[in-house]
Amino acid sequence: MSTAAVKTRTVDGAAWVAQWDLVQSETGDAESFVWSADKTVQVFGTFGGATVVWEGSCLALTPTDWQGLSDPQGVALSSATAYLASVSEVVTHIRPRVIGGDGSTALTCALLMRATNK
């Protein structure tokens, strides 16, 4: 399983966007965004039969035991089509993961975070 680097940029003094560009069966680097309770994820691109899931871990030093995240209605953040959704859980680390796909799979996974202490 290969891992894709995350690119992060400030949107407005109190908001940031993290972006991963993923291909078939790839996982995004785990990033720590513990300072942000408000998170929204977006996935789009060519799925090529892939499913994208968002996972989180509460283990601060070395994130392991990844668990699937959900939206405020309790629906898993997992889909084989483009979507935009809020994240319910507050975790220390978050990452997207592509399950399956083919040679045409080229997905952009974005995470918008708003600092709750600013």
PDB file of N, CA and C in Angstrom:
ATOM      1  N   MET A   1       0.849  -1.175   0.000  1.00  0.00           N
ATOM      2  CA  MET A   1       0.000   0.000   0.000  1.00  0.00           C
ATOM      3  C   MET A   1       0.893   1.236   0.000  1.00  0.00           C
ATOM      4  N   SER A   2       0.699   2.106  -0.969  1.00  0.00           N
ATOM      5  CA  SER A   2       1.486   3.338  -1.014  1.00  0.00           C
ATOM      6  C   SER A   2       0.782   4.446  -0.232  1.00  0.00           C
ATOM      7  N   THR A   3       1.568   5.467   0.118  1.00  0.00           N
ATOM      8  CA  THR A   3       1.046   6.581   0.905  1.00  0.00           C
ATOM      9  C   THR A   3       1.280   7.874   0.158  1.00  0.00           C
ATOM     10  N   ALA A   4       0.245   8.725   0.118  1.00  0.00           N
ATOM     11  CA  ALA A   4       0.332  10.014  -0.564  1.00  0.00           C
ATOM     12  C   ALA A   4       0.539  11.131   0.444  1.00  0.00           C
ATOM     13  N   ALA A   5       1.400  12.069   0.105  1.00  0.00           N
ATOM     14  CA  ALA A   5       1.666  13.219   0.964  1.00  0.00           C
ATOM     15  C   ALA A   5       0.456  14.152   0.992  1.00  0.00           C
ATOM     16  N   VAL A   6       0.351  14.886   2.075  1.00  0.00           N
ATOM     17  CA  VAL A   6      -0.720  15.866   2.229  1.00  0.00           C
ATOM     18  C   VAL A   6      -0.143  17.257   1.976  1.00  0.00           C
ATOM     19  N   LYS A   7      -0.944  18.099   1.338  1.00  0.00           N
ATOM     20  CA  LYS A   7      -0.575  19.499   1.135  1.00  0.00           C
ATOM     21  C   LYS A   7      -1.573  20.319   1.937  1.00  0.00           C
ATOM     22  N   THR A   8      -1.084  21.237   2.764  1.00  0.00           N
ATOM     23  CA  THR A   8      -1.963  22.047   3.603  1.00  0.00           C
ATOM     24  C   THR A   8      -1.712  23.520   3.326  1.00  0.00           C
ATOM     25  N   ARG A   9      -2.799  24.293   3.281  1.00  0.00           N
ATOM     26  CA  ARG A   9      -2.650  25.748   3.111  1.00  0.00           C
ATOM     27  C   ARG A   9      -3.711  26.471   3.932  1.00  0.00           C
ATOM     28  N   THR A  10      -3.378  27.691   4.320  1.00  0.00           N
ATOM     29  CA  THR A  10      -4.308  28.533   5.058  1.00  0.00           C
ATOM     30  C   THR A  10      -5.295  29.146   4.081  1.00  0.00           C
ATOM     31  N   VAL A  11      -6.575  29.133   4.436  1.00  0.00           N
ATOM     32  CA  VAL A  11      -7.607  29.733   3.592  1.00  0.00           C
ATOM     33  C   VAL A  11      -7.909  31.140   4.084  1.00  0.00           C
ATOM     34  N   ASP A  12      -8.109  31.262   5.368  1.00  0.00           N
ATOM     35  CA  ASP A  12      -8.430  32.528   6.005  1.00  0.00           C
ATOM     36  C   ASP A  12      -7.894  32.363   7.411  1.00  0.00           C
ATOM     37  N   GLY A  13      -7.285  33.343   7.989  1.00  0.00           N
ATOM     38  CA  GLY A  13      -6.605  33.231   9.269  1.00  0.00           C
ATOM     39  C   GLY A  13      -7.036  32.130  10.214  1.00  0.00           C
ATOM     40  N   ALA A  14      -8.274  31.664  10.131  1.00  0.00           N
ATOM     41  CA  ALA A  14      -8.753  30.646  11.065  1.00  0.00           C
ATOM     42  C   ALA A  14      -9.222  29.378  10.362  1.00  0.00           C
ATOM     43  N   ALA A  15      -8.865  29.205   9.088  1.00  0.00           N
ATOM     44  CA  ALA A  15      -9.284  28.003   8.353  1.00  0.00           C
ATOM     45  C   ALA A  15      -8.126  27.485   7.506  1.00  0.00           C
ATOM     46  N   TRP A  16      -8.109  26.158   7.339  1.00  0.00           N
ATOM     47  CA  TRP A  16      -7.066  25.496   6.563  1.00  0.00           C
ATOM     48  C   TRP A  16      -7.683  24.421   5.691  1.00  0.00           C
ATOM     49  N   VAL A  17      -7.019  24.148   4.570  1.00  0.00           N
ATOM     50  CA  VAL A  17      -7.422  23.039   3.705  1.00  0.00           C
ATOM     51  C   VAL A  17      -6.236  22.093   3.575  1.00  0.00           C
ATOM     52  N   ALA A  18      -6.497  20.803   3.816  1.00  0.00           N
ATOM     53  CA  ALA A  18      -5.518  19.751   3.570  1.00  0.00           C
ATOM     54  C   ALA A  18      -5.999  19.002   2.340  1.00  0.00           C
ATOM     55  N   GLN A  19      -5.080  18.682   1.445  1.00  0.00           N
ATOM     56  CA  GLN A  19      -5.467  17.997   0.208  1.00  0.00           C
ATOM     57  C   GLN A  19      -4.523  16.841  -0.076  1.00  0.00           C
ATOM     58  N   TRP A  20      -5.131  15.726  -0.435  1.00  0.00           N
ATOM     59  CA  TRP A  20      -4.398  14.545  -0.864  1.00  0.00           C
ATOM     60  C   TRP A  20      -4.834  14.218  -2.279  1.00  0.00           C
ATOM     61  N   ASP A  21      -3.900  13.895  -3.160  1.00  0.00           N
ATOM     62  CA  ASP A  21      -4.208  13.406  -4.503  1.00  0.00           C
ATOM     63  C   ASP A  21      -3.873  11.924  -4.498  1.00  0.00           C
ATOM     64  N   LEU A  22      -4.909  11.093  -4.615  1.00  0.00           N
ATOM     65  CA  LEU A  22      -4.754   9.655  -4.429  1.00  0.00           C
ATOM     66  C   LEU A  22      -5.083   8.870  -5.687  1.00  0.00           C
ATOM     67  N   VAL A  23      -4.452   7.713  -5.804  1.00  0.00           N
ATOM     68  CA  VAL A  23      -4.717   6.782  -6.899  1.00  0.00           C
ATOM     69  C   VAL A  23      -5.162   5.448  -6.311  1.00  0.00           C
ATOM     70  N   GLN A  24      -5.334   4.480  -7.151  1.00  0.00           N
ATOM     71  CA  GLN A  24      -5.792   3.138  -6.782  1.00  0.00           C
ATOM     72  C   GLN A  24      -5.093   2.596  -5.533  1.00  0.00           C
ATOM     73  N   SER A  25      -5.874   2.136  -4.567  1.00  0.00           N
ATOM     74  CA  SER A  25      -5.398   1.479  -3.341  1.00  0.00           C
ATOM     75  C   SER A  25      -4.358   2.275  -2.562  1.00  0.00           C
ATOM     76  N   GLU A  26      -4.458   3.587  -2.568  1.00  0.00           N
ATOM     77  CA  GLU A  26      -3.497   4.446  -1.882  1.00  0.00           C
ATOM     78  C   GLU A  26      -4.133   5.034  -0.620  1.00  0.00           C
ATOM     79  N   THR A  27      -3.292   5.311   0.367  1.00  0.00           N
ATOM     80  CA  THR A  27      -3.726   5.916   1.627  1.00  0.00           C
ATOM     81  C   THR A  27      -3.040   7.261   1.787  1.00  0.00           C
ATOM     82  N   GLY A  28      -3.771   8.250   2.277  1.00  0.00           N
ATOM     83  CA  GLY A  28      -3.175   9.557   2.534  1.00  0.00           C
ATOM     84  C   GLY A  28      -2.368   9.545   3.819  1.00  0.00           C
ATOM     85  N   ASP A  29      -1.291  10.334   3.851  1.00  0.00           N
ATOM     86  CA  ASP A  29      -0.515  10.494   5.080  1.00  0.00           C
ATOM     87  C   ASP A  29      -1.433  10.904   6.212  1.00  0.00           C
ATOM     88  N   ALA A  30      -1.215  10.333   7.373  1.00  0.00           N
ATOM     89  CA  ALA A  30      -1.972  10.726   8.559  1.00  0.00           C
ATOM     90  C   ALA A  30      -1.517  12.107   8.990  1.00  0.00           C
ATOM     91  N   GLU A  31      -2.461  12.972   9.267  1.00  0.00           N
ATOM     92  CA  GLU A  31      -2.152  14.308   9.730  1.00  0.00           C
ATOM     93  C   GLU A  31      -2.881  14.589  11.028  1.00  0.00           C
ATOM     94  N   SER A  32      -2.255  15.391  11.873  1.00  0.00           N
ATOM     95  CA  SER A  32      -2.864  15.751  13.151  1.00  0.00           C
ATOM     96  C   SER A  32      -3.539  17.108  13.025  1.00  0.00           C
ATOM     97  N   PHE A  33      -4.835  17.117  13.252  1.00  0.00           N
ATOM     98  CA  PHE A  33      -5.617  18.349  13.195  1.00  0.00           C
ATOM     99  C   PHE A  33      -6.464  18.456  14.452  1.00  0.00           C
ATOM    100  N   VAL A  34      -5.865  18.141  15.584  1.00  0.00           N
ATOM    101  CA  VAL A  34      -6.608  18.075  16.842  1.00  0.00           C
ATOM    102  C   VAL A  34      -7.183  19.431  17.246  1.00  0.00           C
ATOM    103  N   TRP A  35      -6.590  20.504  16.792  1.00  0.00           N
ATOM    104  CA  TRP A  35      -7.046  21.850  17.147  1.00  0.00           C
ATOM    105  C   TRP A  35      -8.336  22.230  16.449  1.00  0.00           C
ATOM    106  N   SER A  36      -8.801  21.414  15.537  1.00  0.00           N
ATOM    107  CA  SER A  36     -10.000  21.752  14.772  1.00  0.00           C
ATOM    108  C   SER A  36     -11.116  20.749  15.016  1.00  0.00           C
ATOM    109  N   ALA A  37     -12.171  21.207  15.669  1.00  0.00           N
ATOM    110  CA  ALA A  37     -13.341  20.345  15.869  1.00  0.00           C
ATOM    111  C   ALA A  37     -14.273  20.414  14.671  1.00  0.00           C
ATOM    112  N   ASP A  38     -14.214  21.506  13.914  1.00  0.00           N
ATOM    113  CA  ASP A  38     -15.082  21.678  12.747  1.00  0.00           C
ATOM    114  C   ASP A  38     -14.349  21.225  11.494  1.00  0.00           C
ATOM    115  N   LYS A  39     -14.839  20.128  10.891  1.00  0.00           N
ATOM    116  CA  LYS A  39     -14.186  19.572   9.706  1.00  0.00           C
ATOM    117  C   LYS A  39     -15.232  19.199   8.660  1.00  0.00           C
ATOM    118  N   THR A  40     -14.889  19.446   7.390  1.00  0.00           N
ATOM    119  CA  THR A  40     -15.716  19.023   6.264  1.00  0.00           C
ATOM    120  C   THR A  40     -14.799  18.346   5.257  1.00  0.00           C
ATOM    121  N   VAL A  41     -15.237  17.216   4.710  1.00  0.00           N
ATOM    122  CA  VAL A  41     -14.454  16.511   3.703  1.00  0.00           C
ATOM    123  C   VAL A  41     -15.148  16.582   2.348  1.00  0.00           C
ATOM    124  N   GLN A  42     -14.335  16.538   1.297  1.00  0.00           N
ATOM    125  CA  GLN A  42     -14.854  16.508  -0.069  1.00  0.00           C
ATOM    126  C   GLN A  42     -13.989  15.540  -0.868  1.00  0.00           C
ATOM    127  N   VAL A  43     -14.630  14.760  -1.707  1.00  0.00           N
ATOM    128  CA  VAL A  43     -13.929  13.818  -2.580  1.00  0.00           C
ATOM    129  C   VAL A  43     -14.484  13.968  -3.984  1.00  0.00           C
ATOM    130  N   PHE A  44     -13.587  14.051  -4.976  1.00  0.00           N
ATOM    131  CA  PHE A  44     -14.027  14.124  -6.368  1.00  0.00           C
ATOM    132  C   PHE A  44     -12.910  13.624  -7.271  1.00  0.00           C
ATOM    133  N   GLY A  45     -13.258  13.353  -8.514  1.00  0.00           N
ATOM    134  CA  GLY A  45     -12.284  12.890  -9.495  1.00  0.00           C
ATOM    135  C   GLY A  45     -12.781  11.659 -10.210  1.00  0.00           C
ATOM    136  N   THR A  46     -11.858  10.879 -10.738  1.00  0.00           N
ATOM    137  CA  THR A  46     -12.182   9.648 -11.449  1.00  0.00           C
ATOM    138  C   THR A  46     -12.032   8.484 -10.485  1.00  0.00           C
ATOM    139  N   PHE A  47     -13.149   7.825 -10.181  1.00  0.00           N
ATOM    140  CA  PHE A  47     -13.137   6.752  -9.195  1.00  0.00           C
ATOM    141  C   PHE A  47     -12.636   5.429  -9.761  1.00  0.00           C
ATOM    142  N   GLY A  48     -12.933   5.114 -11.001  1.00  0.00           N
ATOM    143  CA  GLY A  48     -12.448   3.869 -11.594  1.00  0.00           C
ATOM    144  C   GLY A  48     -12.789   2.645 -10.762  1.00  0.00           C
ATOM    145  N   GLY A  49     -13.969   2.644 -10.142  1.00  0.00           N
ATOM    146  CA  GLY A  49     -14.396   1.520  -9.323  1.00  0.00           C
ATOM    147  C   GLY A  49     -13.913   1.573  -7.878  1.00  0.00           C
ATOM    148  N   ALA A  50     -13.220   2.638  -7.494  1.00  0.00           N
ATOM    149  CA  ALA A  50     -12.693   2.759  -6.132  1.00  0.00           C
ATOM    150  C   ALA A  50     -13.747   3.304  -5.167  1.00  0.00           C
ATOM    151  N   THR A  51     -13.511   3.078  -3.893  1.00  0.00           N
ATOM    152  CA  THR A  51     -14.292   3.661  -2.805  1.00  0.00           C
ATOM    153  C   THR A  51     -13.324   4.437  -1.926  1.00  0.00           C
ATOM    154  N   VAL A  52     -13.720   5.631  -1.504  1.00  0.00           N
ATOM    155  CA  VAL A  52     -12.889   6.423  -0.595  1.00  0.00           C
ATOM    156  C   VAL A  52     -13.524   6.407   0.782  1.00  0.00           C
ATOM    157  N   VAL A  53     -12.716   6.099   1.787  1.00  0.00           N
ATOM    158  CA  VAL A  53     -13.169   6.141   3.182  1.00  0.00           C
ATOM    159  C   VAL A  53     -12.290   7.132   3.939  1.00  0.00           C
ATOM    160  N   TRP A  54     -12.878   7.791   4.917  1.00  0.00           N
ATOM    161  CA  TRP A  54     -12.133   8.679   5.816  1.00  0.00           C
ATOM    162  C   TRP A  54     -11.994   7.965   7.142  1.00  0.00           C
ATOM    163  N   GLU A  55     -10.771   7.975   7.674  1.00  0.00           N
ATOM    164  CA  GLU A  55     -10.489   7.261   8.908  1.00  0.00           C
ATOM    165  C   GLU A  55      -9.844   8.193   9.933  1.00  0.00           C
ATOM    166  N   GLY A  56     -10.070   7.876  11.213  1.00  0.00           N
ATOM    167  CA  GLY A  56      -9.480   8.666  12.282  1.00  0.00           C
ATOM    168  C   GLY A  56      -8.899   7.779  13.360  1.00  0.00           C
ATOM    169  N   SER A  57      -7.996   8.373  14.151  1.00  0.00           N
ATOM    170  CA  SER A  57      -7.395   7.692  15.292  1.00  0.00           C
ATOM    171  C   SER A  57      -7.262   8.703  16.423  1.00  0.00           C
ATOM    172  N   CYS A  58      -7.473   8.242  17.644  1.00  0.00           N
ATOM    173  CA  CYS A  58      -7.310   9.091  18.831  1.00  0.00           C
ATOM    174  C   CYS A  58      -5.970   8.890  19.510  1.00  0.00           C
ATOM    175  N   LEU A  59      -5.116   8.071  18.936  1.00  0.00           N
ATOM    176  CA  LEU A  59      -3.803   7.817  19.527  1.00  0.00           C
ATOM    177  C   LEU A  59      -2.858   8.944  19.110  1.00  0.00           C
ATOM    178  N   ALA A  60      -2.450   9.758  20.067  1.00  0.00           N
ATOM    179  CA  ALA A  60      -1.751  11.007  19.779  1.00  0.00           C
ATOM    180  C   ALA A  60      -0.333  10.841  19.239  1.00  0.00           C
ATOM    181  N   LEU A  61       0.439   9.933  19.775  1.00  0.00           N
ATOM    182  CA  LEU A  61       1.841   9.844  19.378  1.00  0.00           C
ATOM    183  C   LEU A  61       2.032   9.080  18.079  1.00  0.00           C
ATOM    184  N   THR A  62       1.506   7.886  18.008  1.00  0.00           N
ATOM    185  CA  THR A  62       1.611   7.066  16.808  1.00  0.00           C
ATOM    186  C   THR A  62       0.220   6.556  16.463  1.00  0.00           C
ATOM    187  N   PRO A  63      -0.439   7.204  15.497  1.00  0.00           N
ATOM    188  CA  PRO A  63      -1.804   6.784  15.184  1.00  0.00           C
ATOM    189  C   PRO A  63      -1.851   5.372  14.595  1.00  0.00           C
ATOM    190  N   THR A  64      -2.647   4.537  15.226  1.00  0.00           N
ATOM    191  CA  THR A  64      -2.900   3.179  14.745  1.00  0.00           C
ATOM    192  C   THR A  64      -4.366   2.895  15.040  1.00  0.00           C
ATOM    193  N   ASP A  65      -4.793   1.692  14.797  1.00  0.00           N
ATOM    194  CA  ASP A  65      -6.174   1.301  15.057  1.00  0.00           C
ATOM    195  C   ASP A  65      -7.151   2.289  14.416  1.00  0.00           C
ATOM    196  N   TRP A  66      -6.986   2.499  13.127  1.00  0.00           N
ATOM    197  CA  TRP A  66      -7.813   3.438  12.374  1.00  0.00           C
ATOM    198  C   TRP A  66      -9.262   2.969  12.348  1.00  0.00           C
ATOM    199  N   GLN A  67     -10.172   3.911  12.555  1.00  0.00           N
ATOM    200  CA  GLN A  67     -11.611   3.634  12.531  1.00  0.00           C
ATOM    201  C   GLN A  67     -12.281   4.546  11.522  1.00  0.00           C
ATOM    202  N   GLY A  68     -13.334   4.055  10.897  1.00  0.00           N
ATOM    203  CA  GLY A  68     -14.079   4.858   9.936  1.00  0.00           C
ATOM    204  C   GLY A  68     -14.782   6.025  10.606  1.00  0.00           C
ATOM    205  N   LEU A  69     -14.815   7.160   9.921  1.00  0.00           N
ATOM    206  CA  LEU A  69     -15.498   8.348  10.420  1.00  0.00           C
ATOM    207  C   LEU A  69     -16.884   8.447   9.807  1.00  0.00           C
ATOM    208  N   SER A  70     -17.736   9.276  10.406  1.00  0.00           N
ATOM    209  CA  SER A  70     -19.113   9.405   9.915  1.00  0.00           C
ATOM    210  C   SER A  70     -19.542  10.865   9.894  1.00  0.00           C
ATOM    211  N   ASP A  71     -20.662  11.113   9.219  1.00  0.00           N
ATOM    212  CA  ASP A  71     -21.238  12.453   9.186  1.00  0.00           C
ATOM    213  C   ASP A  71     -22.169  12.632  10.394  1.00  0.00           C
ATOM    214  N   PRO A  72     -22.735  13.825  10.594  1.00  0.00           N
ATOM    215  CA  PRO A  72     -23.586  14.056  11.773  1.00  0.00           C
ATOM    216  C   PRO A  72     -24.823  13.154  11.857  1.00  0.00           C
ATOM    217  N   GLN A  73     -25.237  12.551  10.756  1.00  0.00           N
ATOM    218  CA  GLN A  73     -26.376  11.633  10.769  1.00  0.00           C
ATOM    219  C   GLN A  73     -25.947  10.192  11.050  1.00  0.00           C
ATOM    220  N   GLY A  74     -24.645   9.978  11.266  1.00  0.00           N
ATOM    221  CA  GLY A  74     -24.146   8.642  11.552  1.00  0.00           C
ATOM    222  C   GLY A  74     -23.834   7.816  10.320  1.00  0.00           C
ATOM    223  N   VAL A  75     -23.875   8.444   9.146  1.00  0.00           N
ATOM    224  CA  VAL A  75     -23.579   7.745   7.891  1.00  0.00           C
ATOM    225  C   VAL A  75     -22.068   7.723   7.685  1.00  0.00           C
ATOM    226  N   ALA A  76     -21.537   6.551   7.389  1.00  0.00           N
ATOM    227  CA  ALA A  76     -20.093   6.404   7.172  1.00  0.00           C
ATOM    228  C   ALA A  76     -19.613   7.302   6.041  1.00  0.00           C
ATOM    229  N   LEU A  77     -18.447   7.910   6.247  1.00  0.00           N
ATOM    230  CA  LEU A  77     -17.820   8.714   5.194  1.00  0.00           C
ATOM    231  C   LEU A  77     -17.063   7.762   4.278  1.00  0.00           C
ATOM    232  N   SER A  78     -17.829   7.107   3.420  1.00  0.00           N
ATOM    233  CA  SER A  78     -17.334   6.089   2.521  1.00  0.00           C
ATOM    234  C   SER A  78     -18.225   6.081   1.288  1.00  0.00           C
ATOM    235  N   SER A  79     -17.637   6.289   0.110  1.00  0.00           N
ATOM    236  CA  SER A  79     -18.465   6.349  -1.082  1.00  0.00           C
ATOM    237  C   SER A  79     -17.646   6.059  -2.340  1.00  0.00           C
ATOM    238  N   ALA A  80     -18.328   5.571  -3.357  1.00  0.00           N
ATOM    239  CA  ALA A  80     -17.714   5.326  -4.663  1.00  0.00           C
ATOM    240  C   ALA A  80     -18.107   6.419  -5.650  1.00  0.00           C
ATOM    241  N   THR A  81     -18.656   7.521  -5.132  1.00  0.00           N
ATOM    242  CA  THR A  81     -19.002   8.695  -5.948  1.00  0.00           C
ATOM    243  C   THR A  81     -18.580   9.954  -5.199  1.00  0.00           C
ATOM    244  N   ALA A  82     -18.538  11.072  -5.910  1.00  0.00           N
ATOM    245  CA  ALA A  82     -18.143  12.344  -5.312  1.00  0.00           C
ATOM    246  C   ALA A  82     -19.086  12.714  -4.164  1.00  0.00           C
ATOM    247  N   TYR A  83     -18.539  13.331  -3.123  1.00  0.00           N
ATOM    248  CA  TYR A  83     -19.375  13.761  -2.003  1.00  0.00           C
ATOM    249  C   TYR A  83     -18.703  14.869  -1.206  1.00  0.00           C
ATOM    250  N   LEU A  84     -19.529  15.546  -0.404  1.00  0.00           N
ATOM    251  CA  LEU A  84     -19.114  16.612   0.500  1.00  0.00           C
ATOM    252  C   LEU A  84     -19.886  16.397   1.785  1.00  0.00           C
ATOM    253  N   ALA A  85     -19.211  16.341   2.933  1.00  0.00           N
ATOM    254  CA  ALA A  85     -19.907  16.055   4.190  1.00  0.00           C
ATOM    255  C   ALA A  85     -19.116  16.566   5.383  1.00  0.00           C
ATOM    256  N   SER A  86     -19.827  16.867   6.457  1.00  0.00           N
ATOM    257  CA  SER A  86     -19.203  17.221   7.728  1.00  0.00           C
ATOM    258  C   SER A  86     -18.719  15.951   8.413  1.00  0.00           C
ATOM    259  N   VAL A  87     -17.746  16.108   9.309  1.00  0.00           N
ATOM    260  CA  VAL A  87     -17.211  14.991  10.075  1.00  0.00           C
ATOM    261  C   VAL A  87     -17.699  15.118  11.515  1.00  0.00           C
ATOM    262  N   SER A  88     -18.291  14.067  12.048  1.00  0.00           N
ATOM    263  CA  SER A  88     -18.806  14.099  13.421  1.00  0.00           C
ATOM    264  C   SER A  88     -17.735  13.951  14.476  1.00  0.00           C
ATOM    265  N   GLU A  89     -16.852  13.010  14.302  1.00  0.00           N
ATOM    266  CA  GLU A  89     -15.897  12.651  15.344  1.00  0.00           C
ATOM    267  C   GLU A  89     -14.766  13.680  15.459  1.00  0.00           C
ATOM    268  N   VAL A  90     -14.299  13.868  16.683  1.00  0.00           N
ATOM    269  CA  VAL A  90     -13.109  14.673  16.939  1.00  0.00           C
ATOM    270  C   VAL A  90     -11.990  13.682  17.239  1.00  0.00           C
ATOM    271  N   VAL A  91     -10.997  13.643  16.376  1.00  0.00           N
ATOM    272  CA  VAL A  91      -9.890  12.696  16.493  1.00  0.00           C
ATOM    273  C   VAL A  91      -8.566  13.446  16.431  1.00  0.00           C
ATOM    274  N   THR A  92      -7.499  12.799  16.877  1.00  0.00           N
ATOM    275  CA  THR A  92      -6.190  13.450  16.820  1.00  0.00           C
ATOM    276  C   THR A  92      -5.579  13.392  15.427  1.00  0.00           C
ATOM    277  N   HIS A  93      -5.895  12.338  14.668  1.00  0.00           N
ATOM    278  CA  HIS A  93      -5.349  12.180  13.320  1.00  0.00           C
ATOM    279  C   HIS A  93      -6.468  11.751  12.367  1.00  0.00           C
ATOM    280  N   ILE A  94      -6.326  12.167  11.114  1.00  0.00           N
ATOM    281  CA  ILE A  94      -7.315  11.825  10.092  1.00  0.00           C
ATOM    282  C   ILE A  94      -6.590  11.552   8.783  1.00  0.00           C
ATOM    283  N   ARG A  95      -7.199  10.686   7.976  1.00  0.00           N
ATOM    284  CA  ARG A  95      -6.612  10.380   6.665  1.00  0.00           C
ATOM    285  C   ARG A  95      -7.704   9.828   5.746  1.00  0.00           C
ATOM    286  N   PRO A  96      -7.545  10.007   4.421  1.00  0.00           N
ATOM    287  CA  PRO A  96      -8.407   9.321   3.465  1.00  0.00           C
ATOM    288  C   PRO A  96      -7.716   8.040   3.002  1.00  0.00           C
ATOM    289  N   ARG A  97      -8.523   7.064   2.600  1.00  0.00           N
ATOM    290  CA  ARG A  97      -7.969   5.808   2.081  1.00  0.00           C
ATOM    291  C   ARG A  97      -8.801   5.362   0.894  1.00  0.00           C
ATOM    292  N   VAL A  98      -8.124   4.995  -0.187  1.00  0.00           N
ATOM    293  CA  VAL A  98      -8.784   4.490  -1.389  1.00  0.00           C
ATOM    294  C   VAL A  98      -8.773   2.974  -1.337  1.00  0.00           C
ATOM    295  N   ILE A  99      -9.952   2.398  -1.484  1.00  0.00           N
ATOM    296  CA  ILE A  99     -10.082   0.938  -1.524  1.00  0.00           C
ATOM    297  C   ILE A  99     -10.349   0.553  -2.967  1.00  0.00           C
ATOM    298  N   GLY A 100      -9.472  -0.259  -3.520  1.00  0.00           N
ATOM    299  CA  GLY A 100      -9.664  -0.748  -4.885  1.00  0.00           C
ATOM    300  C   GLY A 100      -9.395   0.319  -5.929  1.00  0.00           C
ATOM    301  N   GLY A 101     -10.124   0.201  -7.025  1.00  0.00           N
ATOM    302  CA  GLY A 101      -9.935   1.100  -8.155  1.00  0.00           C
ATOM    303  C   GLY A 101      -9.163   0.412  -9.262  1.00  0.00           C
ATOM    304  N   ASP A 102      -8.860   1.191 -10.292  1.00  0.00           N
ATOM    305  CA  ASP A 102      -8.090   0.664 -11.418  1.00  0.00           C
ATOM    306  C   ASP A 102      -7.086   1.726 -11.865  1.00  0.00           C
ATOM    307  N   GLY A 103      -6.469   1.508 -13.005  1.00  0.00           N
ATOM    308  CA  GLY A 103      -5.447   2.431 -13.505  1.00  0.00           C
ATOM    309  C   GLY A 103      -5.964   3.829 -13.799  1.00  0.00           C
ATOM    310  N   SER A 104      -7.280   3.999 -13.925  1.00  0.00           N
ATOM    311  CA  SER A 104      -7.828   5.330 -14.198  1.00  0.00           C
ATOM    312  C   SER A 104      -8.140   6.111 -12.915  1.00  0.00           C
ATOM    313  N   THR A 105      -8.036   5.463 -11.756  1.00  0.00           N
ATOM    314  CA  THR A 105      -8.387   6.109 -10.486  1.00  0.00           C
ATOM    315  C   THR A 105      -7.462   7.297 -10.220  1.00  0.00           C
ATOM    316  N   ALA A 106      -8.046   8.479 -10.082  1.00  0.00           N
ATOM    317  CA  ALA A 106      -7.316   9.715  -9.781  1.00  0.00           C
ATOM    318  C   ALA A 106      -8.264  10.602  -8.979  1.00  0.00           C
ATOM    319  N   LEU A 107      -8.075  10.639  -7.676  1.00  0.00           N
ATOM    320  CA  LEU A 107      -9.023  11.309  -6.787  1.00  0.00           C
ATOM    321  C   LEU A 107      -8.370  12.426  -5.992  1.00  0.00           C
ATOM    322  N   THR A 108      -9.133  13.465  -5.766  1.00  0.00           N
ATOM    323  CA  THR A 108      -8.729  14.546  -4.881  1.00  0.00           C
ATOM    324  C   THR A 108      -9.575  14.433  -3.626  1.00  0.00           C
ATOM    325  N   CYS A 109      -8.907  14.373  -2.488  1.00  0.00           N
ATOM    326  CA  CYS A 109      -9.579  14.310  -1.188  1.00  0.00           C
ATOM    327  C   CYS A 109      -9.170  15.558  -0.424  1.00  0.00           C
ATOM    328  N   ALA A 110     -10.148  16.345  -0.028  1.00  0.00           N
ATOM    329  CA  ALA A 110      -9.861  17.597   0.673  1.00  0.00           C
ATOM    330  C   ALA A 110     -10.541  17.607   2.026  1.00  0.00           C
ATOM    331  N   LEU A 111      -9.899  18.274   2.964  1.00  0.00           N
ATOM    332  CA  LEU A 111     -10.414  18.413   4.316  1.00  0.00           C
ATOM    333  C   LEU A 111     -10.313  19.887   4.700  1.00  0.00           C
ATOM    334  N   LEU A 112     -11.459  20.517   4.947  1.00  0.00           N
ATOM    335  CA  LEU A 112     -11.494  21.901   5.400  1.00  0.00           C
ATOM    336  C   LEU A 112     -11.611  21.880   6.911  1.00  0.00           C
ATOM    337  N   MET A 113     -10.758  22.636   7.575  1.00  0.00           N
ATOM    338  CA  MET A 113     -10.753  22.688   9.033  1.00  0.00           C
ATOM    339  C   MET A 113     -10.870  24.134   9.481  1.00  0.00           C
ATOM    340  N   ARG A 114     -11.687  24.352  10.496  1.00  0.00           N
ATOM    341  CA  ARG A 114     -11.821  25.687  11.060  1.00  0.00           C
ATOM    342  C   ARG A 114     -11.397  25.610  12.517  1.00  0.00           C
ATOM    343  N   ALA A 115     -10.460  26.455  12.884  1.00  0.00           N
ATOM    344  CA  ALA A 115      -9.995  26.466  14.270  1.00  0.00           C
ATOM    345  C   ALA A 115     -11.120  26.917  15.178  1.00  0.00           C
ATOM    346  N   THR A 116     -11.325  26.189  16.247  1.00  0.00           N
ATOM    347  CA  THR A 116     -12.409  26.513  17.174  1.00  0.00           C
ATOM    348  C   THR A 116     -11.944  27.461  18.272  1.00  0.00           C
ATOM    349  N   ASN A 117     -10.645  27.714  18.333  1.00  0.00           N
ATOM    350  CA  ASN A 117     -10.125  28.595  19.384  1.00  0.00           C
ATOM    351  C   ASN A 117      -9.700  29.953  18.865  1.00  0.00           C
ATOM    352  N   LYS A 118     -10.080  30.322  17.644  1.00  0.00           N
ATOM    353  CA  LYS A 118      -9.682  31.619  17.089  1.00  0.00           C
ATOM    354  C   LYS A 118     -10.869  32.513  16.918  1.00  0.00           C
TER     355      LYS A 118
END
